[in-house]
Amino acid sequence: MTNRTQWEYKTLEFDSKGFSGGLVDLTKLDESFNSAGRDGWELVNVFATTQAYGSSRKVVAVFKRPR
């Protein structure tokens, strides 16, 4: 029988600022990513939720680590 790794997941959400969205506080993003990394979380994916005309409303980051 193989030993299968079990994962746990963490999701962080960041607001986009500006008139039509799309501006993210990169300092806050870096601090959050580095903090998660120190706690053993690995970034899996980042995606934006859109509103009108392709502008971003929120940026969502998904992390995983072995359980």
N, C-alpha and C. Protein backbone atom coordinates (compact mmCIF):
# COMPACT_ATOMS: atom_id res chain seq x y z
N MET A 1 0.84 -1.18 0.00
CA MET A 1 0.00 0.00 0.00
C MET A 1 0.89 1.25 0.00
N THR A 2 0.57 2.21 -0.83
CA THR A 2 1.36 3.43 -0.90
C THR A 2 0.93 4.42 0.17
N ASN A 3 1.92 5.16 0.64
CA ASN A 3 1.65 6.21 1.60
C ASN A 3 1.27 7.47 0.83
N ARG A 4 0.02 7.85 0.89
CA ARG A 4 -0.45 9.01 0.15
C ARG A 4 -0.44 10.24 1.05
N THR A 5 0.16 11.32 0.57
CA THR A 5 0.20 12.56 1.33
C THR A 5 -1.19 13.16 1.38
N GLN A 6 -1.59 13.56 2.55
CA GLN A 6 -2.84 14.30 2.73
C GLN A 6 -2.50 15.77 2.88
N TRP A 7 -3.30 16.62 2.26
CA TRP A 7 -3.02 18.05 2.23
C TRP A 7 -4.09 18.82 2.99
N GLU A 8 -3.68 19.97 3.51
CA GLU A 8 -4.63 20.95 4.00
C GLU A 8 -4.42 22.23 3.20
N TYR A 9 -5.45 23.02 3.09
CA TYR A 9 -5.42 24.20 2.22
C TYR A 9 -5.76 25.46 2.99
N LYS A 10 -5.21 26.56 2.50
CA LYS A 10 -5.44 27.88 3.11
C LYS A 10 -5.69 28.86 1.96
N THR A 11 -6.65 29.74 2.12
CA THR A 11 -6.98 30.73 1.10
C THR A 11 -6.85 32.13 1.70
N LEU A 12 -6.13 33.00 1.01
CA LEU A 12 -6.03 34.40 1.40
C LEU A 12 -6.68 35.25 0.33
N GLU A 13 -7.34 36.31 0.76
CA GLU A 13 -8.06 37.18 -0.18
C GLU A 13 -7.56 38.62 0.01
N PHE A 14 -7.30 39.29 -1.11
CA PHE A 14 -6.80 40.67 -1.08
C PHE A 14 -7.71 41.54 -1.93
N ASP A 15 -8.06 42.71 -1.39
CA ASP A 15 -8.90 43.65 -2.14
C ASP A 15 -8.07 44.39 -3.17
N SER A 16 -8.70 44.68 -4.30
CA SER A 16 -8.11 45.54 -5.33
C SER A 16 -8.63 46.94 -5.11
N LYS A 17 -7.77 47.91 -5.28
CA LYS A 17 -8.15 49.31 -5.07
C LYS A 17 -8.15 50.05 -6.40
N GLY A 18 -8.55 51.29 -6.35
CA GLY A 18 -8.56 52.12 -7.54
C GLY A 18 -9.97 52.29 -8.07
N PHE A 19 -10.12 53.20 -9.00
CA PHE A 19 -11.44 53.54 -9.55
C PHE A 19 -12.15 52.33 -10.09
N SER A 20 -11.44 51.51 -10.87
CA SER A 20 -12.08 50.32 -11.44
C SER A 20 -11.42 49.03 -10.95
N GLY A 21 -10.71 49.11 -9.82
CA GLY A 21 -10.05 47.92 -9.28
C GLY A 21 -8.74 47.67 -10.00
N GLY A 22 -8.08 46.59 -9.62
CA GLY A 22 -6.86 46.20 -10.30
C GLY A 22 -5.58 46.55 -9.60
N LEU A 23 -5.63 47.43 -8.60
CA LEU A 23 -4.41 47.79 -7.89
C LEU A 23 -4.35 47.01 -6.58
N VAL A 24 -3.27 46.27 -6.38
CA VAL A 24 -3.10 45.46 -5.18
C VAL A 24 -1.91 46.00 -4.39
N ASP A 25 -2.04 46.04 -3.09
CA ASP A 25 -0.95 46.47 -2.22
C ASP A 25 0.11 45.36 -2.21
N LEU A 26 1.17 45.53 -2.99
CA LEU A 26 2.19 44.49 -3.14
C LEU A 26 2.97 44.25 -1.85
N THR A 27 3.14 45.28 -1.04
CA THR A 27 3.83 45.10 0.24
C THR A 27 3.02 44.16 1.13
N LYS A 28 1.71 44.39 1.20
CA LYS A 28 0.84 43.52 2.00
C LYS A 28 0.84 42.10 1.43
N LEU A 29 0.82 41.99 0.10
CA LEU A 29 0.84 40.68 -0.56
C LEU A 29 2.12 39.93 -0.20
N ASP A 30 3.28 40.60 -0.34
CA ASP A 30 4.57 39.98 0.00
C ASP A 30 4.62 39.56 1.46
N GLU A 31 4.18 40.43 2.35
CA GLU A 31 4.20 40.11 3.78
C GLU A 31 3.34 38.89 4.08
N SER A 32 2.17 38.83 3.47
CA SER A 32 1.26 37.70 3.70
C SER A 32 1.83 36.41 3.13
N PHE A 33 2.40 36.48 1.93
CA PHE A 33 2.99 35.29 1.31
C PHE A 33 4.19 34.79 2.12
N ASN A 34 5.05 35.71 2.56
CA ASN A 34 6.23 35.32 3.34
C ASN A 34 5.83 34.73 4.69
N SER A 35 4.82 35.29 5.31
CA SER A 35 4.33 34.76 6.58
C SER A 35 3.79 33.33 6.40
N ALA A 36 3.01 33.13 5.35
CA ALA A 36 2.47 31.79 5.07
C ALA A 36 3.61 30.81 4.80
N GLY A 37 4.61 31.23 4.04
CA GLY A 37 5.76 30.38 3.74
C GLY A 37 6.52 29.97 4.99
N ARG A 38 6.69 30.90 5.92
CA ARG A 38 7.37 30.58 7.19
C ARG A 38 6.58 29.54 7.99
N ASP A 39 5.28 29.51 7.80
CA ASP A 39 4.43 28.54 8.50
C ASP A 39 4.29 27.23 7.73
N GLY A 40 5.06 27.08 6.65
CA GLY A 40 5.06 25.82 5.91
C GLY A 40 4.07 25.73 4.76
N TRP A 41 3.40 26.84 4.43
CA TRP A 41 2.44 26.84 3.33
C TRP A 41 3.15 27.08 2.01
N GLU A 42 2.76 26.35 0.99
CA GLU A 42 3.28 26.49 -0.37
C GLU A 42 2.19 27.11 -1.25
N LEU A 43 2.55 28.16 -1.98
CA LEU A 43 1.60 28.81 -2.88
C LEU A 43 1.28 27.87 -4.03
N VAL A 44 -0.01 27.66 -4.28
CA VAL A 44 -0.46 26.76 -5.34
C VAL A 44 -0.96 27.56 -6.53
N ASN A 45 -1.74 28.61 -6.27
CA ASN A 45 -2.35 29.37 -7.37
C ASN A 45 -2.78 30.74 -6.86
N VAL A 46 -2.80 31.69 -7.77
CA VAL A 46 -3.34 33.02 -7.50
C VAL A 46 -4.27 33.37 -8.65
N PHE A 47 -5.43 33.88 -8.32
CA PHE A 47 -6.35 34.29 -9.38
C PHE A 47 -7.13 35.51 -8.94
N ALA A 48 -7.64 36.23 -9.91
CA ALA A 48 -8.42 37.43 -9.65
C ALA A 48 -9.89 37.16 -9.92
N THR A 49 -10.73 37.73 -9.06
CA THR A 49 -12.16 37.70 -9.33
C THR A 49 -12.48 38.99 -10.08
N THR A 50 -13.22 38.90 -11.13
CA THR A 50 -13.42 40.07 -11.97
C THR A 50 -14.77 40.71 -11.74
N GLN A 51 -14.80 41.98 -12.06
CA GLN A 51 -16.06 42.71 -12.10
C GLN A 51 -16.23 43.20 -13.53
N ALA A 52 -16.71 44.35 -13.78
CA ALA A 52 -16.98 44.84 -15.13
C ALA A 52 -15.71 45.11 -15.93
N TYR A 53 -15.73 44.81 -17.19
CA TYR A 53 -14.67 45.15 -18.15
C TYR A 53 -13.30 44.59 -17.79
N GLY A 54 -13.27 43.46 -17.13
CA GLY A 54 -12.01 42.78 -16.85
C GLY A 54 -11.21 43.30 -15.68
N SER A 55 -11.72 44.30 -14.96
CA SER A 55 -10.97 44.79 -13.81
C SER A 55 -11.13 43.82 -12.64
N SER A 56 -10.12 43.74 -11.80
CA SER A 56 -10.14 42.80 -10.68
C SER A 56 -10.81 43.41 -9.47
N ARG A 57 -11.64 42.63 -8.83
CA ARG A 57 -12.27 43.06 -7.59
C ARG A 57 -11.47 42.56 -6.39
N LYS A 58 -11.06 41.30 -6.46
CA LYS A 58 -10.29 40.70 -5.39
C LYS A 58 -9.24 39.77 -6.01
N VAL A 59 -8.15 39.59 -5.30
CA VAL A 59 -7.13 38.63 -5.69
C VAL A 59 -7.16 37.54 -4.62
N VAL A 60 -7.23 36.29 -5.06
CA VAL A 60 -7.32 35.15 -4.15
C VAL A 60 -6.07 34.28 -4.33
N ALA A 61 -5.43 33.94 -3.22
CA ALA A 61 -4.24 33.07 -3.24
C ALA A 61 -4.56 31.79 -2.49
N VAL A 62 -4.19 30.65 -3.09
CA VAL A 62 -4.44 29.35 -2.49
C VAL A 62 -3.10 28.71 -2.14
N PHE A 63 -2.98 28.23 -0.92
CA PHE A 63 -1.77 27.58 -0.41
C PHE A 63 -2.11 26.17 0.02
N LYS A 64 -1.08 25.31 0.07
CA LYS A 64 -1.26 23.96 0.61
C LYS A 64 -0.03 23.58 1.42
N ARG A 65 -0.23 22.61 2.33
CA ARG A 65 0.89 22.02 3.06
C ARG A 65 0.46 20.63 3.50
N PRO A 66 1.44 19.75 3.69
CA PRO A 66 1.08 18.41 4.15
C PRO A 66 0.38 18.47 5.50
N ARG A 67 -0.61 17.64 5.66
CA ARG A 67 -1.36 17.58 6.92
C ARG A 67 -0.53 16.89 7.98
